[in-house]
């Protein structure tokens, strides 16, 4: 995996403060790769996700830093979401 994915996993785990997510989400970070968020937190790996979120590394960094609201990113087209929108909304609460 890339350094970008490693940094994204670490940033998201810091933001989530050791809590997990009730579901399985896959984050696709541009051409860098992807990672999973589930009940154990953010980690590298593969899983059948409830929802897939796709954005460039800069957009995810802004979301993880609290500079960009996930809903605003989605509405502006910077973030695409495929799958269970309910899971995406629950995840947005974790990320905000």
PDB file of N, CA and C in Angstrom:
ATOM      1  N   UNK A   1       0.837  -1.186   0.000  1.00  0.00           N
ATOM      2  CA  UNK A   1       0.000   0.000   0.000  1.00  0.00           C
ATOM      3  C   UNK A   1       0.877   1.243   0.000  1.00  0.00           C
ATOM      4  N   UNK A   2       0.266   2.309  -0.411  1.00  0.00           N
ATOM      5  CA  UNK A   2       1.018   3.544  -0.521  1.00  0.00           C
ATOM      6  C   UNK A   2       1.106   4.279   0.811  1.00  0.00           C
ATOM      7  N   UNK A   3       2.020   5.217   0.877  1.00  0.00           N
ATOM      8  CA  UNK A   3       2.140   6.062   2.063  1.00  0.00           C
ATOM      9  C   UNK A   3       0.856   6.870   2.256  1.00  0.00           C
ATOM     10  N   UNK A   4       0.191   7.229   1.157  1.00  0.00           N
ATOM     11  CA  UNK A   4      -1.053   7.982   1.240  1.00  0.00           C
ATOM     12  C   UNK A   4      -2.120   7.167   1.960  1.00  0.00           C
ATOM     13  N   UNK A   5      -2.239   5.897   1.634  1.00  0.00           N
ATOM     14  CA  UNK A   5      -3.218   5.030   2.294  1.00  0.00           C
ATOM     15  C   UNK A   5      -2.857   4.862   3.763  1.00  0.00           C
ATOM     16  N   UNK A   6      -1.582   4.633   4.057  1.00  0.00           N
ATOM     17  CA  UNK A   6      -1.150   4.507   5.454  1.00  0.00           C
ATOM     18  C   UNK A   6      -1.515   5.759   6.248  1.00  0.00           C
ATOM     19  N   UNK A   7      -1.271   6.939   5.661  1.00  0.00           N
ATOM     20  CA  UNK A   7      -1.587   8.192   6.337  1.00  0.00           C
ATOM     21  C   UNK A   7      -3.094   8.363   6.514  1.00  0.00           C
ATOM     22  N   UNK A   8      -3.870   7.961   5.507  1.00  0.00           N
ATOM     23  CA  UNK A   8      -5.330   8.074   5.598  1.00  0.00           C
ATOM     24  C   UNK A   8      -5.877   7.166   6.697  1.00  0.00           C
ATOM     25  N   UNK A   9      -5.376   5.951   6.782  1.00  0.00           N
ATOM     26  CA  UNK A   9      -5.815   5.019   7.829  1.00  0.00           C
ATOM     27  C   UNK A   9      -5.509   5.601   9.205  1.00  0.00           C
ATOM     28  N   UNK A  10      -4.294   6.118   9.381  1.00  0.00           N
ATOM     29  CA  UNK A  10      -3.903   6.696  10.671  1.00  0.00           C
ATOM     30  C   UNK A  10      -4.761   7.919  11.012  1.00  0.00           C
ATOM     31  N   UNK A  11      -4.984   8.785  10.030  1.00  0.00           N
ATOM     32  CA  UNK A  11      -5.781   9.995  10.266  1.00  0.00           C
ATOM     33  C   UNK A  11      -7.215   9.649  10.632  1.00  0.00           C
ATOM     34  N   UNK A  12      -7.781   8.684   9.952  1.00  0.00           N
ATOM     35  CA  UNK A  12      -9.168   8.318  10.230  1.00  0.00           C
ATOM     36  C   UNK A  12      -9.285   7.641  11.594  1.00  0.00           C
ATOM     37  N   UNK A  13      -8.350   6.796  11.942  1.00  0.00           N
ATOM     38  CA  UNK A  13      -8.386   6.179  13.273  1.00  0.00           C
ATOM     39  C   UNK A  13      -8.252   7.229  14.371  1.00  0.00           C
ATOM     40  N   UNK A  14      -7.411   8.241  14.149  1.00  0.00           N
ATOM     41  CA  UNK A  14      -7.292   9.337  15.114  1.00  0.00           C
ATOM     42  C   UNK A  14      -8.619  10.082  15.238  1.00  0.00           C
ATOM     43  N   UNK A  15      -9.254  10.351  14.114  1.00  0.00           N
ATOM     44  CA  UNK A  15     -10.520  11.085  14.110  1.00  0.00           C
ATOM     45  C   UNK A  15     -11.612  10.282  14.799  1.00  0.00           C
ATOM     46  N   UNK A  16     -11.608   8.975  14.609  1.00  0.00           N
ATOM     47  CA  UNK A  16     -12.636   8.121  15.189  1.00  0.00           C
ATOM     48  C   UNK A  16     -12.354   7.799  16.661  1.00  0.00           C
ATOM     49  N   UNK A  17     -11.185   8.187  17.151  1.00  0.00           N
ATOM     50  CA  UNK A  17     -10.797   8.037  18.553  1.00  0.00           C
ATOM     51  C   UNK A  17     -11.005   6.616  19.072  1.00  0.00           C
ATOM     52  N   UNK A  18     -10.588   5.632  18.276  1.00  0.00           N
ATOM     53  CA  UNK A  18     -10.627   4.251  18.710  1.00  0.00           C
ATOM     54  C   UNK A  18     -11.971   3.555  18.605  1.00  0.00           C
ATOM     55  N   UNK A  19     -12.970   4.247  18.100  1.00  0.00           N
ATOM     56  CA  UNK A  19     -14.275   3.600  17.931  1.00  0.00           C
ATOM     57  C   UNK A  19     -14.389   3.079  16.514  1.00  0.00           C
ATOM     58  N   UNK A  20     -15.266   2.138  16.325  1.00  0.00           N
ATOM     59  CA  UNK A  20     -15.488   1.579  14.997  1.00  0.00           C
ATOM     60  C   UNK A  20     -16.719   2.178  14.347  1.00  0.00           C
ATOM     61  N   UNK A  21     -17.169   1.523  13.296  1.00  0.00           N
ATOM     62  CA  UNK A  21     -18.314   1.952  12.516  1.00  0.00           C
ATOM     63  C   UNK A  21     -19.264   0.779  12.391  1.00  0.00           C
ATOM     64  N   UNK A  22     -20.532   1.023  12.608  1.00  0.00           N
ATOM     65  CA  UNK A  22     -21.551  -0.020  12.523  1.00  0.00           C
ATOM     66  C   UNK A  22     -21.869  -0.292  11.059  1.00  0.00           C
ATOM     67  N   UNK A  23     -21.038  -1.065  10.432  1.00  0.00           N
ATOM     68  CA  UNK A  23     -21.165  -1.384   9.014  1.00  0.00           C
ATOM     69  C   UNK A  23     -19.780  -1.571   8.437  1.00  0.00           C
ATOM     70  N   UNK A  24     -19.718  -1.667   7.121  1.00  0.00           N
ATOM     71  CA  UNK A  24     -18.435  -1.784   6.433  1.00  0.00           C
ATOM     72  C   UNK A  24     -18.408  -0.790   5.292  1.00  0.00           C
ATOM     73  N   UNK A  25     -17.398   0.069   5.304  1.00  0.00           N
ATOM     74  CA  UNK A  25     -17.236   1.073   4.266  1.00  0.00           C
ATOM     75  C   UNK A  25     -15.867   0.904   3.621  1.00  0.00           C
ATOM     76  N   UNK A  26     -15.840   1.087   2.321  1.00  0.00           N
ATOM     77  CA  UNK A  26     -14.575   1.057   1.591  1.00  0.00           C
ATOM     78  C   UNK A  26     -14.290   2.466   1.107  1.00  0.00           C
ATOM     79  N   UNK A  27     -13.098   2.962   1.395  1.00  0.00           N
ATOM     80  CA  UNK A  27     -12.644   4.274   0.933  1.00  0.00           C
ATOM     81  C   UNK A  27     -11.692   4.050  -0.224  1.00  0.00           C
ATOM     82  N   UNK A  28     -12.016   4.566  -1.387  1.00  0.00           N
ATOM     83  CA  UNK A  28     -11.145   4.491  -2.556  1.00  0.00           C
ATOM     84  C   UNK A  28     -10.496   5.864  -2.704  1.00  0.00           C
ATOM     85  N   UNK A  29      -9.176   5.903  -2.522  1.00  0.00           N
ATOM     86  CA  UNK A  29      -8.435   7.156  -2.488  1.00  0.00           C
ATOM     87  C   UNK A  29      -7.735   7.358  -3.821  1.00  0.00           C
ATOM     88  N   UNK A  30      -8.456   7.938  -4.779  1.00  0.00           N
ATOM     89  CA  UNK A  30      -7.903   8.176  -6.105  1.00  0.00           C
ATOM     90  C   UNK A  30      -7.225   6.942  -6.658  1.00  0.00           C
ATOM     91  N   UNK A  31      -6.039   7.119  -7.221  1.00  0.00           N
ATOM     92  CA  UNK A  31      -5.256   6.012  -7.773  1.00  0.00           C
ATOM     93  C   UNK A  31      -4.343   5.362  -6.731  1.00  0.00           C
ATOM     94  N   UNK A  32      -4.428   5.842  -5.478  1.00  0.00           N
ATOM     95  CA  UNK A  32      -3.524   5.360  -4.432  1.00  0.00           C
ATOM     96  C   UNK A  32      -3.910   3.984  -3.892  1.00  0.00           C
ATOM     97  N   UNK A  33      -5.181   3.643  -3.953  1.00  0.00           N
ATOM     98  CA  UNK A  33      -5.647   2.376  -3.406  1.00  0.00           C
ATOM     99  C   UNK A  33      -6.881   2.584  -2.554  1.00  0.00           C
ATOM    100  N   UNK A  34      -7.135   1.636  -1.663  1.00  0.00           N
ATOM    101  CA  UNK A  34      -8.322   1.723  -0.829  1.00  0.00           C
ATOM    102  C   UNK A  34      -8.052   1.112   0.535  1.00  0.00           C
ATOM    103  N   UNK A  35      -8.974   1.380   1.460  1.00  0.00           N
ATOM    104  CA  UNK A  35      -8.933   0.777   2.788  1.00  0.00           C
ATOM    105  C   UNK A  35     -10.359   0.619   3.282  1.00  0.00           C
ATOM    106  N   UNK A  36     -10.497  -0.119   4.372  1.00  0.00           N
ATOM    107  CA  UNK A  36     -11.794  -0.480   4.924  1.00  0.00           C
ATOM    108  C   UNK A  36     -11.988   0.188   6.282  1.00  0.00           C
ATOM    109  N   UNK A  37     -13.227   0.565   6.568  1.00  0.00           N
ATOM    110  CA  UNK A  37     -13.617   1.003   7.905  1.00  0.00           C
ATOM    111  C   UNK A  37     -14.771   0.107   8.335  1.00  0.00           C
ATOM    112  N   UNK A  38     -14.619  -0.487   9.521  1.00  0.00           N
ATOM    113  CA  UNK A  38     -15.669  -1.354  10.056  1.00  0.00           C
ATOM    114  C   UNK A  38     -15.673  -1.233  11.575  1.00  0.00           C
ATOM    115  N   UNK A  39     -16.247  -2.220  12.255  1.00  0.00           N
ATOM    116  CA  UNK A  39     -16.365  -2.150  13.708  1.00  0.00           C
ATOM    117  C   UNK A  39     -15.022  -2.098  14.422  1.00  0.00           C
ATOM    118  N   UNK A  40     -13.947  -2.503  13.758  1.00  0.00           N
ATOM    119  CA  UNK A  40     -12.624  -2.457  14.373  1.00  0.00           C
ATOM    120  C   UNK A  40     -11.845  -1.198  14.024  1.00  0.00           C
ATOM    121  N   UNK A  41     -12.446  -0.287  13.266  1.00  0.00           N
ATOM    122  CA  UNK A  41     -11.778   0.955  12.877  1.00  0.00           C
ATOM    123  C   UNK A  41     -11.329   0.905  11.429  1.00  0.00           C
ATOM    124  N   UNK A  42     -10.391   1.772  11.078  1.00  0.00           N
ATOM    125  CA  UNK A  42      -9.860   1.836   9.714  1.00  0.00           C
ATOM    126  C   UNK A  42      -8.646   0.915   9.619  1.00  0.00           C
ATOM    127  N   UNK A  43      -8.570   0.177   8.510  1.00  0.00           N
ATOM    128  CA  UNK A  43      -7.444  -0.732   8.312  1.00  0.00           C
ATOM    129  C   UNK A  43      -7.334  -1.108   6.836  1.00  0.00           C
ATOM    130  N   UNK A  44      -6.162  -1.574   6.483  1.00  0.00           N
ATOM    131  CA  UNK A  44      -5.952  -2.092   5.137  1.00  0.00           C
ATOM    132  C   UNK A  44      -6.677  -3.408   5.018  1.00  0.00           C
ATOM    133  N   UNK A  45      -7.093  -3.744   3.828  1.00  0.00           N
ATOM    134  CA  UNK A  45      -7.733  -5.032   3.629  1.00  0.00           C
ATOM    135  C   UNK A  45      -8.852  -4.944   2.620  1.00  0.00           C
ATOM    136  N   UNK A  46      -9.457  -6.067   2.413  1.00  0.00           N
ATOM    137  CA  UNK A  46     -10.569  -6.178   1.478  1.00  0.00           C
ATOM    138  C   UNK A  46     -11.776  -6.704   2.241  1.00  0.00           C
ATOM    139  N   UNK A  47     -12.932  -6.234   1.866  1.00  0.00           N
ATOM    140  CA  UNK A  47     -14.187  -6.709   2.448  1.00  0.00           C
ATOM    141  C   UNK A  47     -15.299  -6.344   1.486  1.00  0.00           C
ATOM    142  N   UNK A  48     -16.423  -6.999   1.633  1.00  0.00           N
ATOM    143  CA  UNK A  48     -17.599  -6.668   0.846  1.00  0.00           C
ATOM    144  C   UNK A  48     -18.294  -5.509   1.558  1.00  0.00           C
ATOM    145  N   UNK A  49     -18.140  -4.276   1.056  1.00  0.00           N
ATOM    146  CA  UNK A  49     -18.633  -3.119   1.800  1.00  0.00           C
ATOM    147  C   UNK A  49     -20.131  -2.886   1.636  1.00  0.00           C
ATOM    148  N   UNK A  50     -20.707  -2.246   2.653  1.00  0.00           N
ATOM    149  CA  UNK A  50     -22.078  -1.751   2.559  1.00  0.00           C
ATOM    150  C   UNK A  50     -22.113  -0.503   1.677  1.00  0.00           C
ATOM    151  N   UNK A  51     -21.047   0.275   1.746  1.00  0.00           N
ATOM    152  CA  UNK A  51     -20.964   1.520   0.998  1.00  0.00           C
ATOM    153  C   UNK A  51     -19.513   1.752   0.577  1.00  0.00           C
ATOM    154  N   UNK A  52     -19.343   2.341  -0.597  1.00  0.00           N
ATOM    155  CA  UNK A  52     -18.016   2.699  -1.105  1.00  0.00           C
ATOM    156  C   UNK A  52     -17.969   4.201  -1.324  1.00  0.00           C
ATOM    157  N   UNK A  53     -16.955   4.844  -0.761  1.00  0.00           N
ATOM    158  CA  UNK A  53     -16.743   6.281  -0.916  1.00  0.00           C
ATOM    159  C   UNK A  53     -15.481   6.484  -1.744  1.00  0.00           C
ATOM    160  N   UNK A  54     -15.568   7.323  -2.752  1.00  0.00           N
ATOM    161  CA  UNK A  54     -14.449   7.549  -3.651  1.00  0.00           C
ATOM    162  C   UNK A  54     -14.178   9.048  -3.768  1.00  0.00           C
ATOM    163  N   UNK A  55     -12.920   9.420  -3.596  1.00  0.00           N
ATOM    164  CA  UNK A  55     -12.508  10.823  -3.749  1.00  0.00           C
ATOM    165  C   UNK A  55     -11.000  10.844  -3.943  1.00  0.00           C
ATOM    166  N   UNK A  56     -10.487  12.027  -4.284  1.00  0.00           N
ATOM    167  CA  UNK A  56      -9.040  12.162  -4.405  1.00  0.00           C
ATOM    168  C   UNK A  56      -8.433  12.318  -3.004  1.00  0.00           C
ATOM    169  N   UNK A  57      -7.130  12.121  -2.896  1.00  0.00           N
ATOM    170  CA  UNK A  57      -6.494  12.193  -1.575  1.00  0.00           C
ATOM    171  C   UNK A  57      -6.714  13.529  -0.862  1.00  0.00           C
ATOM    172  N   UNK A  58      -6.696  14.625  -1.594  1.00  0.00           N
ATOM    173  CA  UNK A  58      -6.860  15.936  -0.982  1.00  0.00           C
ATOM    174  C   UNK A  58      -8.242  16.090  -0.358  1.00  0.00           C
ATOM    175  N   UNK A  59      -9.275  15.599  -1.041  1.00  0.00           N
ATOM    176  CA  UNK A  59     -10.634  15.693  -0.503  1.00  0.00           C
ATOM    177  C   UNK A  59     -10.755  14.891   0.776  1.00  0.00           C
ATOM    178  N   UNK A  60     -10.256  13.653   0.773  1.00  0.00           N
ATOM    179  CA  UNK A  60     -10.327  12.857   1.997  1.00  0.00           C
ATOM    180  C   UNK A  60      -9.531  13.516   3.114  1.00  0.00           C
ATOM    181  N   UNK A  61      -8.373  14.087   2.809  1.00  0.00           N
ATOM    182  CA  UNK A  61      -7.577  14.749   3.844  1.00  0.00           C
ATOM    183  C   UNK A  61      -8.360  15.898   4.464  1.00  0.00           C
ATOM    184  N   UNK A  62      -9.053  16.680   3.638  1.00  0.00           N
ATOM    185  CA  UNK A  62      -9.864  17.786   4.151  1.00  0.00           C
ATOM    186  C   UNK A  62     -11.004  17.274   5.025  1.00  0.00           C
ATOM    187  N   UNK A  63     -11.624  16.172   4.640  1.00  0.00           N
ATOM    188  CA  UNK A  63     -12.701  15.582   5.445  1.00  0.00           C
ATOM    189  C   UNK A  63     -12.146  15.103   6.785  1.00  0.00           C
ATOM    190  N   UNK A  64     -11.037  14.371   6.759  1.00  0.00           N
ATOM    191  CA  UNK A  64     -10.463  13.825   7.987  1.00  0.00           C
ATOM    192  C   UNK A  64      -9.965  14.929   8.917  1.00  0.00           C
ATOM    193  N   UNK A  65      -9.506  16.054   8.344  1.00  0.00           N
ATOM    194  CA  UNK A  65      -9.023  17.183   9.145  1.00  0.00           C
ATOM    195  C   UNK A  65     -10.157  18.057   9.669  1.00  0.00           C
ATOM    196  N   UNK A  66     -11.391  17.776   9.234  1.00  0.00           N
ATOM    197  CA  UNK A  66     -12.528  18.580   9.660  1.00  0.00           C
ATOM    198  C   UNK A  66     -12.701  19.875   8.888  1.00  0.00           C
ATOM    199  N   UNK A  67     -11.958  20.030   7.792  1.00  0.00           N
ATOM    200  CA  UNK A  67     -12.041  21.236   6.977  1.00  0.00           C
ATOM    201  C   UNK A  67     -13.168  21.172   5.957  1.00  0.00           C
ATOM    202  N   UNK A  68     -13.655  19.966   5.662  1.00  0.00           N
ATOM    203  CA  UNK A  68     -14.699  19.772   4.654  1.00  0.00           C
ATOM    204  C   UNK A  68     -15.713  18.778   5.202  1.00  0.00           C
ATOM    205  N   UNK A  69     -16.966  19.191   5.214  1.00  0.00           N
ATOM    206  CA  UNK A  69     -18.051  18.329   5.657  1.00  0.00           C
ATOM    207  C   UNK A  69     -18.281  17.250   4.603  1.00  0.00           C
ATOM    208  N   UNK A  70     -18.417  15.978   5.004  1.00  0.00           N
ATOM    209  CA  UNK A  70     -18.630  14.917   4.016  1.00  0.00           C
ATOM    210  C   UNK A  70     -19.868  15.139   3.145  1.00  0.00           C
ATOM    211  N   UNK A  71     -20.934  15.668   3.724  1.00  0.00           N
ATOM    212  CA  UNK A  71     -22.146  15.932   2.946  1.00  0.00           C
ATOM    213  C   UNK A  71     -21.886  17.008   1.907  1.00  0.00           C
ATOM    214  N   UNK A  72     -21.160  18.055   2.292  1.00  0.00           N
ATOM    215  CA  UNK A  72     -20.815  19.122   1.347  1.00  0.00           C
ATOM    216  C   UNK A  72     -19.920  18.579   0.233  1.00  0.00           C
ATOM    217  N   UNK A  73     -18.998  17.686   0.577  1.00  0.00           N
ATOM    218  CA  UNK A  73     -18.128  17.084  -0.436  1.00  0.00           C
ATOM    219  C   UNK A  73     -18.953  16.290  -1.437  1.00  0.00           C
ATOM    220  N   UNK A  74     -19.933  15.538  -0.938  1.00  0.00           N
ATOM    221  CA  UNK A  74     -20.810  14.760  -1.813  1.00  0.00           C
ATOM    222  C   UNK A  74     -21.647  15.682  -2.699  1.00  0.00           C
ATOM    223  N   UNK A  75     -22.233  16.689  -2.108  1.00  0.00           N
ATOM    224  CA  UNK A  75     -23.108  17.600  -2.857  1.00  0.00           C
ATOM    225  C   UNK A  75     -22.339  18.382  -3.934  1.00  0.00           C
ATOM    226  N   UNK A  76     -21.060  18.641  -3.686  1.00  0.00           N
ATOM    227  CA  UNK A  76     -20.253  19.385  -4.654  1.00  0.00           C
ATOM    228  C   UNK A  76     -19.628  18.489  -5.708  1.00  0.00           C
ATOM    229  N   UNK A  77     -19.805  17.168  -5.591  1.00  0.00           N
ATOM    230  CA  UNK A  77     -19.243  16.237  -6.559  1.00  0.00           C
ATOM    231  C   UNK A  77     -17.810  15.824  -6.281  1.00  0.00           C
ATOM    232  N   UNK A  78     -17.245  16.260  -5.155  1.00  0.00           N
ATOM    233  CA  UNK A  78     -15.874  15.878  -4.817  1.00  0.00           C
ATOM    234  C   UNK A  78     -15.797  14.465  -4.247  1.00  0.00           C
ATOM    235  N   UNK A  79     -16.938  13.964  -3.740  1.00  0.00           N
ATOM    236  CA  UNK A  79     -17.016  12.647  -3.131  1.00  0.00           C
ATOM    237  C   UNK A  79     -18.159  11.889  -3.788  1.00  0.00           C
ATOM    238  N   UNK A  80     -17.877  10.671  -4.259  1.00  0.00           N
ATOM    239  CA  UNK A  80     -18.951   9.845  -4.804  1.00  0.00           C
ATOM    240  C   UNK A  80     -19.230   8.704  -3.830  1.00  0.00           C
ATOM    241  N   UNK A  81     -20.492   8.311  -3.789  1.00  0.00           N
ATOM    242  CA  UNK A  81     -20.937   7.281  -2.870  1.00  0.00           C
ATOM    243  C   UNK A  81     -21.708   6.238  -3.652  1.00  0.00           C
ATOM    244  N   UNK A  82     -21.327   4.983  -3.479  1.00  0.00           N
ATOM    245  CA  UNK A  82     -22.027   3.853  -4.099  1.00  0.00           C
ATOM    246  C   UNK A  82     -22.436   2.895  -2.997  1.00  0.00           C
ATOM    247  N   UNK A  83     -23.688   2.475  -3.024  1.00  0.00           N
ATOM    248  CA  UNK A  83     -24.159   1.504  -2.048  1.00  0.00           C
ATOM    249  C   UNK A  83     -25.199   2.084  -1.127  1.00  0.00           C
ATOM    250  N   UNK A  84     -25.190   1.619   0.111  1.00  0.00           N
ATOM    251  CA  UNK A  84     -26.190   1.939   1.120  1.00  0.00           C
ATOM    252  C   UNK A  84     -26.046   3.385   1.602  1.00  0.00           C
ATOM    253  N   UNK A  85     -26.988   4.231   1.213  1.00  0.00           N
ATOM    254  CA  UNK A  85     -26.927   5.643   1.610  1.00  0.00           C
ATOM    255  C   UNK A  85     -27.133   5.805   3.113  1.00  0.00           C
ATOM    256  N   UNK A  86     -27.886   4.896   3.735  1.00  0.00           N
ATOM    257  CA  UNK A  86     -28.045   4.947   5.185  1.00  0.00           C
ATOM    258  C   UNK A  86     -26.713   4.743   5.891  1.00  0.00           C
ATOM    259  N   UNK A  87     -25.930   3.789   5.397  1.00  0.00           N
ATOM    260  CA  UNK A  87     -24.596   3.559   5.954  1.00  0.00           C
ATOM    261  C   UNK A  87     -23.711   4.777   5.724  1.00  0.00           C
ATOM    262  N   UNK A  88     -23.850   5.410   4.566  1.00  0.00           N
ATOM    263  CA  UNK A  88     -23.065   6.614   4.271  1.00  0.00           C
ATOM    264  C   UNK A  88     -23.416   7.735   5.244  1.00  0.00           C
ATOM    265  N   UNK A  89     -24.687   7.878   5.564  1.00  0.00           N
ATOM    266  CA  UNK A  89     -25.114   8.922   6.496  1.00  0.00           C
ATOM    267  C   UNK A  89     -24.592   8.639   7.909  1.00  0.00           C
ATOM    268  N   UNK A  90     -24.622   7.380   8.330  1.00  0.00           N
ATOM    269  CA  UNK A  90     -24.070   7.026   9.642  1.00  0.00           C
ATOM    270  C   UNK A  90     -22.570   7.308   9.689  1.00  0.00           C
ATOM    271  N   UNK A  91     -21.892   7.001   8.597  1.00  0.00           N
ATOM    272  CA  UNK A  91     -20.462   7.243   8.517  1.00  0.00           C
ATOM    273  C   UNK A  91     -20.155   8.741   8.539  1.00  0.00           C
ATOM    274  N   UNK A  92     -20.993   9.533   7.872  1.00  0.00           N
ATOM    275  CA  UNK A  92     -20.809  10.985   7.864  1.00  0.00           C
ATOM    276  C   UNK A  92     -20.862  11.538   9.282  1.00  0.00           C
ATOM    277  N   UNK A  93     -21.719  10.985  10.126  1.00  0.00           N
ATOM    278  CA  UNK A  93     -21.795  11.428  11.520  1.00  0.00           C
ATOM    279  C   UNK A  93     -20.503  11.107  12.254  1.00  0.00           C
ATOM    280  N   UNK A  94     -19.906   9.977  11.960  1.00  0.00           N
ATOM    281  CA  UNK A  94     -18.641   9.598  12.573  1.00  0.00           C
ATOM    282  C   UNK A  94     -17.535  10.539  12.111  1.00  0.00           C
ATOM    283  N   UNK A  95     -17.576  10.953  10.852  1.00  0.00           N
ATOM    284  CA  UNK A  95     -16.518  11.781  10.273  1.00  0.00           C
ATOM    285  C   UNK A  95     -16.646  13.263  10.611  1.00  0.00           C
ATOM    286  N   UNK A  96     -17.833  13.690  11.000  1.00  0.00           N
ATOM    287  CA  UNK A  96     -18.055  15.125  11.280  1.00  0.00           C
ATOM    288  C   UNK A  96     -17.548  15.526  12.635  1.00  0.00           C
TER     289      UNK A  96
END
